[in-house]
Amino acid sequence: MQAVVLTTLAVLVVSLAGPSLGRSPPRAGGLSEVKPADPQIRLLVKSVEDDIVTRLPLGYDRETTLTLTPVSYKVQIVAGKNYFVKISTGFGRYIHVRIYRDLRGNTSVSDVQLGKSLLDPIRYF
């Protein structure tokens, strides 16, 4: 009987902890794990695309239409959310963009970092 209770308890603990085993929970205000860009992130980037392009320096492929392709992202929970997005601008060039979405759903570009590569980790900026 005791073995059955212990086995049941072990199964319950594993099922509740499941995916979080071996990982520490995210800190309040800390960045999430890196995630591949999904349709939601593509729509988010598309919604602020003009603002991103105006923050790029003159000569940054402005003579052609840039294709901004989100690759991956991290999220920070604040009074709203900060999205830190790695974006391909074509020709092997990448930028990191911080996009803020407030609690009402309004979005704005907070910052853009140039000169990134596919291998550069996404960090707070």
PDB file of N, CA and C in Angstrom:
ATOM      1  N   MET A   1       0.819  -1.195   0.000  1.00  0.00           N
ATOM      2  CA  MET A   1       0.000   0.000   0.000  1.00  0.00           C
ATOM      3  C   MET A   1       0.867   1.264   0.000  1.00  0.00           C
ATOM      4  N   GLN A   2       1.914   1.251   0.829  1.00  0.00           N
ATOM      5  CA  GLN A   2       2.794   2.414   0.903  1.00  0.00           C
ATOM      6  C   GLN A   2       3.487   2.648  -0.439  1.00  0.00           C
ATOM      7  N   ALA A   3       3.862   1.578  -1.130  1.00  0.00           N
ATOM      8  CA  ALA A   3       4.514   1.698  -2.438  1.00  0.00           C
ATOM      9  C   ALA A   3       3.571   2.323  -3.457  1.00  0.00           C
ATOM     10  N   VAL A   4       2.296   1.981  -3.405  1.00  0.00           N
ATOM     11  CA  VAL A   4       1.302   2.547  -4.327  1.00  0.00           C
ATOM     12  C   VAL A   4       1.145   4.045  -4.074  1.00  0.00           C
ATOM     13  N   VAL A   5       1.094   4.430  -2.815  1.00  0.00           N
ATOM     14  CA  VAL A   5       0.955   5.846  -2.465  1.00  0.00           C
ATOM     15  C   VAL A   5       2.179   6.626  -2.931  1.00  0.00           C
ATOM     16  N   LEU A   6       3.374   6.082  -2.697  1.00  0.00           N
ATOM     17  CA  LEU A   6       4.601   6.760  -3.118  1.00  0.00           C
ATOM     18  C   LEU A   6       4.687   6.863  -4.635  1.00  0.00           C
ATOM     19  N   THR A   7       4.287   5.816  -5.337  1.00  0.00           N
ATOM     20  CA  THR A   7       4.298   5.842  -6.799  1.00  0.00           C
ATOM     21  C   THR A   7       3.315   6.877  -7.322  1.00  0.00           C
ATOM     22  N   THR A   8       2.126   6.917  -6.751  1.00  0.00           N
ATOM     23  CA  THR A   8       1.114   7.899  -7.152  1.00  0.00           C
ATOM     24  C   THR A   8       1.614   9.315  -6.897  1.00  0.00           C
ATOM     25  N   LEU A   9       2.224   9.524  -5.751  1.00  0.00           N
ATOM     26  CA  LEU A   9       2.766  10.837  -5.419  1.00  0.00           C
ATOM     27  C   LEU A   9       3.868  11.235  -6.393  1.00  0.00           C
ATOM     28  N   ALA A  10       4.743  10.302  -6.745  1.00  0.00           N
ATOM     29  CA  ALA A  10       5.827  10.589  -7.692  1.00  0.00           C
ATOM     30  C   ALA A  10       5.272  10.953  -9.061  1.00  0.00           C
ATOM     31  N   VAL A  11       4.262  10.221  -9.524  1.00  0.00           N
ATOM     32  CA  VAL A  11       3.644  10.517 -10.821  1.00  0.00           C
ATOM     33  C   VAL A  11       2.998  11.896 -10.792  1.00  0.00           C
ATOM     34  N   LEU A  12       2.344  12.231  -9.696  1.00  0.00           N
ATOM     35  CA  LEU A  12       1.701  13.536  -9.565  1.00  0.00           C
ATOM     36  C   LEU A  12       2.726  14.664  -9.612  1.00  0.00           C
ATOM     37  N   VAL A  13       3.826  14.508  -8.891  1.00  0.00           N
ATOM     38  CA  VAL A  13       4.874  15.538  -8.884  1.00  0.00           C
ATOM     39  C   VAL A  13       5.462  15.718 -10.274  1.00  0.00           C
ATOM     40  N   VAL A  14       5.770  14.623 -10.957  1.00  0.00           N
ATOM     41  CA  VAL A  14       6.354  14.704 -12.297  1.00  0.00           C
ATOM     42  C   VAL A  14       5.374  15.337 -13.272  1.00  0.00           C
ATOM     43  N   SER A  15       4.096  14.993 -13.180  1.00  0.00           N
ATOM     44  CA  SER A  15       3.124  15.559 -14.122  1.00  0.00           C
ATOM     45  C   SER A  15       2.901  17.038 -13.873  1.00  0.00           C
ATOM     46  N   LEU A  16       2.955  17.478 -12.630  1.00  0.00           N
ATOM     47  CA  LEU A  16       2.784  18.903 -12.339  1.00  0.00           C
ATOM     48  C   LEU A  16       4.029  19.700 -12.698  1.00  0.00           C
ATOM     49  N   ALA A  17       5.201  19.145 -12.424  1.00  0.00           N
ATOM     50  CA  ALA A  17       6.449  19.850 -12.714  1.00  0.00           C
ATOM     51  C   ALA A  17       6.820  19.726 -14.173  1.00  0.00           C
ATOM     52  N   GLY A  18       6.530  18.579 -14.766  1.00  0.00           N
ATOM     53  CA  GLY A  18       6.752  18.265 -16.173  1.00  0.00           C
ATOM     54  C   GLY A  18       7.820  19.055 -16.869  1.00  0.00           C
ATOM     55  N   PRO A  19       7.413  19.981 -17.761  1.00  0.00           N
ATOM     56  CA  PRO A  19       8.377  20.688 -18.588  1.00  0.00           C
ATOM     57  C   PRO A  19       9.333  21.580 -17.816  1.00  0.00           C
ATOM     58  N   SER A  20       8.990  21.928 -16.572  1.00  0.00           N
ATOM     59  CA  SER A  20       9.863  22.845 -15.847  1.00  0.00           C
ATOM     60  C   SER A  20      10.956  22.130 -15.067  1.00  0.00           C
ATOM     61  N   LEU A  21      10.967  20.800 -15.067  1.00  0.00           N
ATOM     62  CA  LEU A  21      12.023  20.084 -14.359  1.00  0.00           C
ATOM     63  C   LEU A  21      13.381  20.450 -14.930  1.00  0.00           C
ATOM     64  N   GLY A  22      14.308  20.772 -14.062  1.00  0.00           N
ATOM     65  CA  GLY A  22      15.650  21.094 -14.519  1.00  0.00           C
ATOM     66  C   GLY A  22      15.808  22.540 -14.967  1.00  0.00           C
ATOM     67  N   ARG A  23      14.740  23.304 -14.956  1.00  0.00           N
ATOM     68  CA  ARG A  23      14.815  24.713 -15.352  1.00  0.00           C
ATOM     69  C   ARG A  23      14.361  25.572 -14.186  1.00  0.00           C
ATOM     70  N   SER A  24      15.017  26.683 -13.996  1.00  0.00           N
ATOM     71  CA  SER A  24      14.556  27.601 -12.973  1.00  0.00           C
ATOM     72  C   SER A  24      13.453  28.473 -13.571  1.00  0.00           C
ATOM     73  N   PRO A  25      12.484  28.848 -12.759  1.00  0.00           N
ATOM     74  CA  PRO A  25      11.410  29.684 -13.290  1.00  0.00           C
ATOM     75  C   PRO A  25      11.949  31.052 -13.686  1.00  0.00           C
ATOM     76  N   PRO A  26      11.330  31.701 -14.681  1.00  0.00           N
ATOM     77  CA  PRO A  26      11.818  33.018 -15.085  1.00  0.00           C
ATOM     78  C   PRO A  26      11.670  34.017 -13.948  1.00  0.00           C
ATOM     79  N   ARG A  27      12.641  34.895 -13.815  1.00  0.00           N
ATOM     80  CA  ARG A  27      12.576  35.943 -12.808  1.00  0.00           C
ATOM     81  C   ARG A  27      11.586  36.999 -13.264  1.00  0.00           C
ATOM     82  N   ALA A  28      10.925  37.622 -12.309  1.00  0.00           N
ATOM     83  CA  ALA A  28      10.041  38.733 -12.650  1.00  0.00           C
ATOM     84  C   ALA A  28      10.881  39.811 -13.315  1.00  0.00           C
ATOM     85  N   GLY A  29      10.478  40.242 -14.482  1.00  0.00           N
ATOM     86  CA  GLY A  29      11.221  41.254 -15.213  1.00  0.00           C
ATOM     87  C   GLY A  29      12.373  40.708 -16.028  1.00  0.00           C
ATOM     88  N   GLY A  30      12.680  39.420 -15.884  1.00  0.00           N
ATOM     89  CA  GLY A  30      13.766  38.811 -16.648  1.00  0.00           C
ATOM     90  C   GLY A  30      13.298  38.414 -18.037  1.00  0.00           C
ATOM     91  N   LEU A  31      14.249  38.061 -18.887  1.00  0.00           N
ATOM     92  CA  LEU A  31      13.915  37.649 -20.250  1.00  0.00           C
ATOM     93  C   LEU A  31      13.555  36.169 -20.285  1.00  0.00           C
ATOM     94  N   SER A  32      12.628  35.830 -21.160  1.00  0.00           N
ATOM     95  CA  SER A  32      12.236  34.438 -21.363  1.00  0.00           C
ATOM     96  C   SER A  32      13.337  33.692 -22.106  1.00  0.00           C
ATOM     97  N   GLU A  33      13.124  32.415 -22.287  1.00  0.00           N
ATOM     98  CA  GLU A  33      13.985  31.612 -23.158  1.00  0.00           C
ATOM     99  C   GLU A  33      13.799  32.107 -24.591  1.00  0.00           C
ATOM    100  N   VAL A  34      14.794  31.886 -25.436  1.00  0.00           N
ATOM    101  CA  VAL A  34      14.663  32.266 -26.846  1.00  0.00           C
ATOM    102  C   VAL A  34      13.664  31.323 -27.515  1.00  0.00           C
ATOM    103  N   LYS A  35      12.816  31.906 -28.358  1.00  0.00           N
ATOM    104  CA  LYS A  35      11.790  31.131 -29.063  1.00  0.00           C
ATOM    105  C   LYS A  35      11.873  31.456 -30.548  1.00  0.00           C
ATOM    106  N   PRO A  36      11.546  30.494 -31.400  1.00  0.00           N
ATOM    107  CA  PRO A  36      11.504  30.807 -32.837  1.00  0.00           C
ATOM    108  C   PRO A  36      10.340  31.748 -33.124  1.00  0.00           C
ATOM    109  N   ALA A  37      10.527  32.629 -34.094  1.00  0.00           N
ATOM    110  CA  ALA A  37       9.465  33.568 -34.459  1.00  0.00           C
ATOM    111  C   ALA A  37       8.242  32.794 -34.926  1.00  0.00           C
ATOM    112  N   ASP A  38       7.093  33.215 -34.457  1.00  0.00           N
ATOM    113  CA  ASP A  38       5.830  32.576 -34.823  1.00  0.00           C
ATOM    114  C   ASP A  38       4.944  33.615 -35.520  1.00  0.00           C
ATOM    115  N   PRO A  39       3.763  33.226 -35.977  1.00  0.00           N
ATOM    116  CA  PRO A  39       2.900  34.184 -36.683  1.00  0.00           C
ATOM    117  C   PRO A  39       2.580  35.443 -35.869  1.00  0.00           C
ATOM    118  N   GLN A  40       2.427  35.306 -34.549  1.00  0.00           N
ATOM    119  CA  GLN A  40       2.145  36.469 -33.702  1.00  0.00           C
ATOM    120  C   GLN A  40       3.300  37.474 -33.766  1.00  0.00           C
ATOM    121  N   ILE A  41       4.533  36.990 -33.706  1.00  0.00           N
ATOM    122  CA  ILE A  41       5.701  37.873 -33.746  1.00  0.00           C
ATOM    123  C   ILE A  41       5.846  38.492 -35.134  1.00  0.00           C
ATOM    124  N   ARG A  42       5.562  37.727 -36.184  1.00  0.00           N
ATOM    125  CA  ARG A  42       5.618  38.289 -37.536  1.00  0.00           C
ATOM    126  C   ARG A  42       4.615  39.434 -37.688  1.00  0.00           C
ATOM    127  N   LEU A  43       3.409  39.272 -37.141  1.00  0.00           N
ATOM    128  CA  LEU A  43       2.409  40.351 -37.186  1.00  0.00           C
ATOM    129  C   LEU A  43       2.852  41.554 -36.360  1.00  0.00           C
ATOM    130  N   LEU A  44       3.456  41.293 -35.208  1.00  0.00           N
ATOM    131  CA  LEU A  44       3.947  42.375 -34.359  1.00  0.00           C
ATOM    132  C   LEU A  44       4.996  43.200 -35.100  1.00  0.00           C
ATOM    133  N   VAL A  45       5.968  42.529 -35.717  1.00  0.00           N
ATOM    134  CA  VAL A  45       7.018  43.233 -36.469  1.00  0.00           C
ATOM    135  C   VAL A  45       6.408  43.985 -37.646  1.00  0.00           C
ATOM    136  N   LYS A  46       5.485  43.367 -38.343  1.00  0.00           N
ATOM    137  CA  LYS A  46       4.835  44.018 -39.489  1.00  0.00           C
ATOM    138  C   LYS A  46       4.115  45.293 -39.048  1.00  0.00           C
ATOM    139  N   SER A  47       3.524  45.275 -37.858  1.00  0.00           N
ATOM    140  CA  SER A  47       2.770  46.437 -37.378  1.00  0.00           C
ATOM    141  C   SER A  47       3.656  47.645 -37.075  1.00  0.00           C
ATOM    142  N   VAL A  48       4.945  47.423 -36.820  1.00  0.00           N
ATOM    143  CA  VAL A  48       5.860  48.533 -36.512  1.00  0.00           C
ATOM    144  C   VAL A  48       6.984  48.640 -37.540  1.00  0.00           C
ATOM    145  N   GLU A  49       6.809  47.998 -38.684  1.00  0.00           N
ATOM    146  CA  GLU A  49       7.855  47.947 -39.714  1.00  0.00           C
ATOM    147  C   GLU A  49       8.333  49.337 -40.140  1.00  0.00           C
ATOM    148  N   ASP A  50       7.413  50.263 -40.371  1.00  0.00           N
ATOM    149  CA  ASP A  50       7.808  51.612 -40.795  1.00  0.00           C
ATOM    150  C   ASP A  50       8.671  52.293 -39.737  1.00  0.00           C
ATOM    151  N   ASP A  51       8.322  52.123 -38.477  1.00  0.00           N
ATOM    152  CA  ASP A  51       9.101  52.716 -37.387  1.00  0.00           C
ATOM    153  C   ASP A  51      10.499  52.100 -37.320  1.00  0.00           C
ATOM    154  N   ILE A  52      10.604  50.802 -37.542  1.00  0.00           N
ATOM    155  CA  ILE A  52      11.917  50.140 -37.549  1.00  0.00           C
ATOM    156  C   ILE A  52      12.780  50.713 -38.667  1.00  0.00           C
ATOM    157  N   VAL A  53      12.213  50.804 -39.868  1.00  0.00           N
ATOM    158  CA  VAL A  53      12.975  51.285 -41.030  1.00  0.00           C
ATOM    159  C   VAL A  53      13.440  52.723 -40.820  1.00  0.00           C
ATOM    160  N   THR A  54      12.604  53.579 -40.235  1.00  0.00           N
ATOM    161  CA  THR A  54      13.025  54.972 -40.016  1.00  0.00           C
ATOM    162  C   THR A  54      14.138  55.079 -38.984  1.00  0.00           C
ATOM    163  N   ARG A  55      14.310  54.083 -38.141  1.00  0.00           N
ATOM    164  CA  ARG A  55      15.393  54.094 -37.153  1.00  0.00           C
ATOM    165  C   ARG A  55      16.715  53.574 -37.713  1.00  0.00           C
ATOM    166  N   LEU A  56      16.676  53.009 -38.904  1.00  0.00           N
ATOM    167  CA  LEU A  56      17.912  52.533 -39.532  1.00  0.00           C
ATOM    168  C   LEU A  56      18.673  53.715 -40.114  1.00  0.00           C
ATOM    169  N   PRO A  57      20.003  53.674 -40.090  1.00  0.00           N
ATOM    170  CA  PRO A  57      20.776  54.799 -40.620  1.00  0.00           C
ATOM    171  C   PRO A  57      20.590  54.944 -42.128  1.00  0.00           C
ATOM    172  N   LEU A  58      20.787  56.170 -42.608  1.00  0.00           N
ATOM    173  CA  LEU A  58      20.723  56.404 -44.050  1.00  0.00           C
ATOM    174  C   LEU A  58      21.726  55.498 -44.744  1.00  0.00           C
ATOM    175  N   GLY A  59      21.346  54.966 -45.871  1.00  0.00           N
ATOM    176  CA  GLY A  59      22.225  54.066 -46.605  1.00  0.00           C
ATOM    177  C   GLY A  59      22.067  52.613 -46.219  1.00  0.00           C
ATOM    178  N   TYR A  60      21.262  52.327 -45.208  1.00  0.00           N
ATOM    179  CA  TYR A  60      21.052  50.943 -44.799  1.00  0.00           C
ATOM    180  C   TYR A  60      20.012  50.326 -45.727  1.00  0.00           C
ATOM    181  N   ASP A  61      20.437  50.080 -46.960  1.00  0.00           N
ATOM    182  CA  ASP A  61      19.571  49.486 -47.978  1.00  0.00           C
ATOM    183  C   ASP A  61      18.275  50.254 -48.182  1.00  0.00           C
ATOM    184  N   ARG A  62      18.312  51.561 -48.031  1.00  0.00           N
ATOM    185  CA  ARG A  62      17.088  52.342 -48.223  1.00  0.00           C
ATOM    186  C   ARG A  62      16.730  52.501 -49.686  1.00  0.00           C
ATOM    187  N   GLU A  63      17.684  52.231 -50.572  1.00  0.00           N
ATOM    188  CA  GLU A  63      17.382  52.355 -51.992  1.00  0.00           C
ATOM    189  C   GLU A  63      16.520  51.192 -52.479  1.00  0.00           C
ATOM    190  N   THR A  64      16.464  50.132 -51.707  1.00  0.00           N
ATOM    191  CA  THR A  64      15.587  49.010 -52.033  1.00  0.00           C
ATOM    192  C   THR A  64      14.646  48.784 -50.858  1.00  0.00           C
ATOM    193  N   THR A  65      13.547  48.153 -51.121  1.00  0.00           N
ATOM    194  CA  THR A  65      12.612  47.843 -50.049  1.00  0.00           C
ATOM    195  C   THR A  65      13.191  46.723 -49.195  1.00  0.00           C
ATOM    196  N   LEU A  66      13.326  46.990 -47.912  1.00  0.00           N
ATOM    197  CA  LEU A  66      13.846  45.978 -46.994  1.00  0.00           C
ATOM    198  C   LEU A  66      12.772  44.936 -46.707  1.00  0.00           C
ATOM    199  N   THR A  67      13.198  43.716 -46.600  1.00  0.00           N
ATOM    200  CA  THR A  67      12.315  42.659 -46.135  1.00  0.00           C
ATOM    201  C   THR A  67      12.748  42.313 -44.725  1.00  0.00           C
ATOM    202  N   LEU A  68      11.909  42.625 -43.755  1.00  0.00           N
ATOM    203  CA  LEU A  68      12.220  42.340 -42.363  1.00  0.00           C
ATOM    204  C   LEU A  68      11.597  40.995 -41.999  1.00  0.00           C
ATOM    205  N   THR A  69      12.458  40.021 -41.720  1.00  0.00           N
ATOM    206  CA  THR A  69      11.995  38.668 -41.423  1.00  0.00           C
ATOM    207  C   THR A  69      12.381  38.295 -39.994  1.00  0.00           C
ATOM    208  N   PRO A  70      11.410  38.246 -39.076  1.00  0.00           N
ATOM    209  CA  PRO A  70      11.720  37.841 -37.705  1.00  0.00           C
ATOM    210  C   PRO A  70      12.247  36.408 -37.667  1.00  0.00           C
ATOM    211  N   VAL A  71      13.291  36.198 -36.869  1.00  0.00           N
ATOM    212  CA  VAL A  71      13.922  34.882 -36.763  1.00  0.00           C
ATOM    213  C   VAL A  71      13.616  34.244 -35.413  1.00  0.00           C
ATOM    214  N   SER A  72      13.852  34.995 -34.344  1.00  0.00           N
ATOM    215  CA  SER A  72      13.635  34.484 -32.994  1.00  0.00           C
ATOM    216  C   SER A  72      13.368  35.665 -32.072  1.00  0.00           C
ATOM    217  N   TYR A  73      12.952  35.352 -30.842  1.00  0.00           N
ATOM    218  CA  TYR A  73      12.623  36.435 -29.920  1.00  0.00           C
ATOM    219  C   TYR A  73      12.665  35.963 -28.473  1.00  0.00           C
ATOM    220  N   LYS A  74      12.709  36.946 -27.589  1.00  0.00           N
ATOM    221  CA  LYS A  74      12.546  36.742 -26.152  1.00  0.00           C
ATOM    222  C   LYS A  74      11.517  37.761 -25.679  1.00  0.00           C
ATOM    223  N   VAL A  75      10.881  37.459 -24.551  1.00  0.00           N
ATOM    224  CA  VAL A  75       9.864  38.346 -23.993  1.00  0.00           C
ATOM    225  C   VAL A  75      10.265  38.718 -22.574  1.00  0.00           C
ATOM    226  N   GLN A  76       9.979  39.967 -22.209  1.00  0.00           N
ATOM    227  CA  GLN A  76      10.155  40.438 -20.842  1.00  0.00           C
ATOM    228  C   GLN A  76       8.808  40.976 -20.378  1.00  0.00           C
ATOM    229  N   ILE A  77       8.317  40.460 -19.253  1.00  0.00           N
ATOM    230  CA  ILE A  77       7.059  40.931 -18.694  1.00  0.00           C
ATOM    231  C   ILE A  77       7.358  42.148 -17.827  1.00  0.00           C
ATOM    232  N   VAL A  78       6.755  43.262 -18.179  1.00  0.00           N
ATOM    233  CA  VAL A  78       6.863  44.506 -17.413  1.00  0.00           C
ATOM    234  C   VAL A  78       5.420  44.990 -17.241  1.00  0.00           C
ATOM    235  N   ALA A  79       5.166  46.271 -17.193  1.00  0.00           N
ATOM    236  CA  ALA A  79       3.790  46.781 -17.236  1.00  0.00           C
ATOM    237  C   ALA A  79       3.382  46.728 -18.701  1.00  0.00           C
ATOM    238  N   GLY A  80       3.150  45.527 -19.182  1.00  0.00           N
ATOM    239  CA  GLY A  80       2.998  45.227 -20.600  1.00  0.00           C
ATOM    240  C   GLY A  80       4.066  44.198 -20.931  1.00  0.00           C
ATOM    241  N   LYS A  81       4.552  44.207 -22.160  1.00  0.00           N
ATOM    242  CA  LYS A  81       5.604  43.266 -22.561  1.00  0.00           C
ATOM    243  C   LYS A  81       6.615  43.957 -23.456  1.00  0.00           C
ATOM    244  N   ASN A  82       7.887  43.627 -23.235  1.00  0.00           N
ATOM    245  CA  ASN A  82       8.954  43.981 -24.159  1.00  0.00           C
ATOM    246  C   ASN A  82       9.269  42.742 -24.981  1.00  0.00           C
ATOM    247  N   TYR A  83       9.282  42.906 -26.292  1.00  0.00           N
ATOM    248  CA  TYR A  83       9.668  41.825 -27.195  1.00  0.00           C
ATOM    249  C   TYR A  83      11.035  42.174 -27.765  1.00  0.00           C
ATOM    250  N   PHE A  84      12.004  41.299 -27.573  1.00  0.00           N
ATOM    251  CA  PHE A  84      13.345  41.464 -28.121  1.00  0.00           C
ATOM    252  C   PHE A  84      13.425  40.509 -29.309  1.00  0.00           C
ATOM    253  N   VAL A  85      13.452  41.059 -30.524  1.00  0.00           N
ATOM    254  CA  VAL A  85      13.299  40.250 -31.728  1.00  0.00           C
ATOM    255  C   VAL A  85      14.554  40.330 -32.591  1.00  0.00           C
ATOM    256  N   LYS A  86      15.083  39.157 -32.985  1.00  0.00           N
ATOM    257  CA  LYS A  86      16.169  39.085 -33.971  1.00  0.00           C
ATOM    258  C   LYS A  86      15.503  39.075 -35.335  1.00  0.00           C
ATOM    259  N   ILE A  87      15.910  40.018 -36.202  1.00  0.00           N
ATOM    260  CA  ILE A  87      15.281  40.181 -37.513  1.00  0.00           C
ATOM    261  C   ILE A  87      16.341  40.131 -38.598  1.00  0.00           C
ATOM    262  N   SER A  88      16.082  39.328 -39.628  1.00  0.00           N
ATOM    263  CA  SER A  88      16.942  39.309 -40.814  1.00  0.00           C
ATOM    264  C   SER A  88      16.515  40.455 -41.721  1.00  0.00           C
ATOM    265  N   THR A  89      17.509  41.229 -42.181  1.00  0.00           N
ATOM    266  CA  THR A  89      17.220  42.316 -43.126  1.00  0.00           C
ATOM    267  C   THR A  89      17.697  41.953 -44.524  1.00  0.00           C
ATOM    268  N   GLY A  90      18.102  40.709 -44.707  1.00  0.00           N
ATOM    269  CA  GLY A  90      18.578  40.244 -46.007  1.00  0.00           C
ATOM    270  C   GLY A  90      20.087  40.328 -46.114  1.00  0.00           C
ATOM    271  N   PHE A  91      20.638  39.645 -47.076  1.00  0.00           N
ATOM    272  CA  PHE A  91      22.071  39.650 -47.368  1.00  0.00           C
ATOM    273  C   PHE A  91      22.914  39.272 -46.152  1.00  0.00           C
ATOM    274  N   GLY A  92      22.390  38.362 -45.318  1.00  0.00           N
ATOM    275  CA  GLY A  92      23.138  37.887 -44.158  1.00  0.00           C
ATOM    276  C   GLY A  92      23.260  38.900 -43.038  1.00  0.00           C
ATOM    277  N   ARG A  93      22.438  39.948 -43.062  1.00  0.00           N
ATOM    278  CA  ARG A  93      22.496  40.973 -42.012  1.00  0.00           C
ATOM    279  C   ARG A  93      21.299  40.830 -41.078  1.00  0.00           C
ATOM    280  N   TYR A  94      21.570  41.132 -39.808  1.00  0.00           N
ATOM    281  CA  TYR A  94      20.544  41.000 -38.779  1.00  0.00           C
ATOM    282  C   TYR A  94      20.547  42.230 -37.894  1.00  0.00           C
ATOM    283  N   ILE A  95      19.390  42.516 -37.342  1.00  0.00           N
ATOM    284  CA  ILE A  95      19.248  43.561 -36.341  1.00  0.00           C
ATOM    285  C   ILE A  95      18.485  42.965 -35.164  1.00  0.00           C
ATOM    286  N   HIS A  96      18.626  43.590 -34.008  1.00  0.00           N
ATOM    287  CA  HIS A  96      17.809  43.250 -32.852  1.00  0.00           C
ATOM    288  C   HIS A  96      16.924  44.452 -32.578  1.00  0.00           C
ATOM    289  N   VAL A  97      15.652  44.197 -32.347  1.00  0.00           N
ATOM    290  CA  VAL A  97      14.681  45.266 -32.139  1.00  0.00           C
ATOM    291  C   VAL A  97      13.928  44.994 -30.841  1.00  0.00           C
ATOM    292  N   ARG A  98      13.783  46.038 -30.020  1.00  0.00           N
ATOM    293  CA  ARG A  98      12.949  45.932 -28.817  1.00  0.00           C
ATOM    294  C   ARG A  98      11.632  46.635 -29.096  1.00  0.00           C
ATOM    295  N   ILE A  99      10.548  45.886 -28.991  1.00  0.00           N
ATOM    296  CA  ILE A  99       9.207  46.405 -29.245  1.00  0.00           C
ATOM    297  C   ILE A  99       8.425  46.312 -27.938  1.00  0.00           C
ATOM    298  N   TYR A 100       7.815  47.418 -27.546  1.00  0.00           N
ATOM    299  CA  TYR A 100       7.022  47.452 -26.314  1.00  0.00           C
ATOM    300  C   TYR A 100       5.541  47.407 -26.662  1.00  0.00           C
ATOM    301  N   ARG A 101       4.814  46.524 -25.997  1.00  0.00           N
ATOM    302  CA  ARG A 101       3.347  46.478 -26.123  1.00  0.00           C
ATOM    303  C   ARG A 101       2.777  46.736 -24.736  1.00  0.00           C
ATOM    304  N   ASP A 102       2.006  47.829 -24.615  1.00  0.00           N
ATOM    305  CA  ASP A 102       1.440  48.156 -23.309  1.00  0.00           C
ATOM    306  C   ASP A 102       0.224  47.285 -23.013  1.00  0.00           C
ATOM    307  N   LEU A 103      -0.353  47.489 -21.840  1.00  0.00           N
ATOM    308  CA  LEU A 103      -1.471  46.656 -21.406  1.00  0.00           C
ATOM    309  C   LEU A 103      -2.728  46.867 -22.247  1.00  0.00           C
ATOM    310  N   ARG A 104      -2.792  47.962 -22.979  1.00  0.00           N
ATOM    311  CA  ARG A 104      -3.941  48.226 -23.860  1.00  0.00           C
ATOM    312  C   ARG A 104      -3.719  47.700 -25.272  1.00  0.00           C
ATOM    313  N   GLY A 105      -2.515  47.177 -25.540  1.00  0.00           N
ATOM    314  CA  GLY A 105      -2.217  46.617 -26.856  1.00  0.00           C
ATOM    315  C   GLY A 105      -1.521  47.567 -27.807  1.00  0.00           C
ATOM    316  N   ASN A 106      -1.215  48.790 -27.356  1.00  0.00           N
ATOM    317  CA  ASN A 106      -0.477  49.739 -28.194  1.00  0.00           C
ATOM    318  C   ASN A 106       0.980  49.303 -28.281  1.00  0.00           C
ATOM    319  N   THR A 107       1.562  49.403 -29.480  1.00  0.00           N
ATOM    320  CA  THR A 107       2.947  48.975 -29.666  1.00  0.00           C
ATOM    321  C   THR A 107       3.818  50.129 -30.127  1.00  0.00           C
ATOM    322  N   SER A 108       5.090  50.046 -29.750  1.00  0.00           N
ATOM    323  CA  SER A 108       6.064  51.040 -30.201  1.00  0.00           C
ATOM    324  C   SER A 108       7.445  50.404 -30.193  1.00  0.00           C
ATOM    325  N   VAL A 109       8.307  50.908 -31.070  1.00  0.00           N
ATOM    326  CA  VAL A 109       9.694  50.448 -31.127  1.00  0.00           C
ATOM    327  C   VAL A 109      10.484  51.246 -30.101  1.00  0.00           C
ATOM    328  N   SER A 110      11.134  50.546 -29.184  1.00  0.00           N
ATOM    329  CA  SER A 110      11.923  51.203 -28.141  1.00  0.00           C
ATOM    330  C   SER A 110      13.362  51.409 -28.557  1.00  0.00           C
ATOM    331  N   ASP A 111      13.929  50.439 -29.281  1.00  0.00           N
ATOM    332  CA  ASP A 111      15.339  50.533 -29.649  1.00  0.00           C
ATOM    333  C   ASP A 111      15.639  49.549 -30.775  1.00  0.00           C
ATOM    334  N   VAL A 112      16.696  49.847 -31.526  1.00  0.00           N
ATOM    335  CA  VAL A 112      17.166  48.982 -32.607  1.00  0.00           C
ATOM    336  C   VAL A 112      18.678  48.861 -32.477  1.00  0.00           C
ATOM    337  N   GLN A 113      19.193  47.639 -32.540  1.00  0.00           N
ATOM    338  CA  GLN A 113      20.636  47.400 -32.547  1.00  0.00           C
ATOM    339  C   GLN A 113      21.038  46.868 -33.912  1.00  0.00           C
ATOM    340  N   LEU A 114      22.060  47.481 -34.492  1.00  0.00           N
ATOM    341  CA  LEU A 114      22.560  47.092 -35.814  1.00  0.00           C
ATOM    342  C   LEU A 114      23.760  46.169 -35.680  1.00  0.00           C
ATOM    343  N   GLY A 115      24.198  45.621 -36.809  1.00  0.00           N
ATOM    344  CA  GLY A 115      25.439  44.850 -36.853  1.00  0.00           C
ATOM    345  C   GLY A 115      25.380  43.530 -36.118  1.00  0.00           C
ATOM    346  N   LYS A 116      24.240  42.920 -36.070  1.00  0.00           N
ATOM    347  CA  LYS A 116      24.100  41.626 -35.406  1.00  0.00           C
ATOM    348  C   LYS A 116      24.282  40.505 -36.418  1.00  0.00           C
ATOM    349  N   SER A 117      24.523  39.303 -35.905  1.00  0.00           N
ATOM    350  CA  SER A 117      24.631  38.123 -36.771  1.00  0.00           C
ATOM    351  C   SER A 117      23.601  37.099 -36.313  1.00  0.00           C
ATOM    352  N   LEU A 118      23.438  36.074 -37.101  1.00  0.00           N
ATOM    353  CA  LEU A 118      22.500  35.012 -36.748  1.00  0.00           C
ATOM    354  C   LEU A 118      22.879  34.372 -35.417  1.00  0.00           C
ATOM    355  N   LEU A 119      24.166  34.329 -35.114  1.00  0.00           N
ATOM    356  CA  LEU A 119      24.637  33.657 -33.902  1.00  0.00           C
ATOM    357  C   LEU A 119      24.660  34.548 -32.670  1.00  0.00           C
ATOM    358  N   ASP A 120      24.476  35.861 -32.832  1.00  0.00           N
ATOM    359  CA  ASP A 120      24.478  36.750 -31.669  1.00  0.00           C
ATOM    360  C   ASP A 120      23.280  36.440 -30.775  1.00  0.00           C
ATOM    361  N   PRO A 121      23.522  36.236 -29.479  1.00  0.00           N
ATOM    362  CA  PRO A 121      22.397  35.972 -28.581  1.00  0.00           C
ATOM    363  C   PRO A 121      21.561  37.234 -28.387  1.00  0.00           C
ATOM    364  N   ILE A 122      20.290  37.033 -28.140  1.00  0.00           N
ATOM    365  CA  ILE A 122      19.400  38.153 -27.837  1.00  0.00           C
ATOM    366  C   ILE A 122      19.566  38.459 -26.357  1.00  0.00           C
ATOM    367  N   ARG A 123      19.947  39.698 -26.062  1.00  0.00           N
ATOM    368  CA  ARG A 123      20.134  40.144 -24.680  1.00  0.00           C
ATOM    369  C   ARG A 123      19.329  41.414 -24.461  1.00  0.00           C
ATOM    370  N   TYR A 124      19.152  41.750 -23.194  1.00  0.00           N
ATOM    371  CA  TYR A 124      18.460  43.002 -22.863  1.00  0.00           C
ATOM    372  C   TYR A 124      19.259  44.187 -23.402  1.00  0.00           C
ATOM    373  N   PHE A 125      18.594  45.144 -23.976  1.00  0.00           N
ATOM    374  CA  PHE A 125      19.219  46.404 -24.389  1.00  0.00           C
ATOM    375  C   PHE A 125      18.213  47.518 -24.286  1.00  0.00           C
TER     376      PHE A 125
END
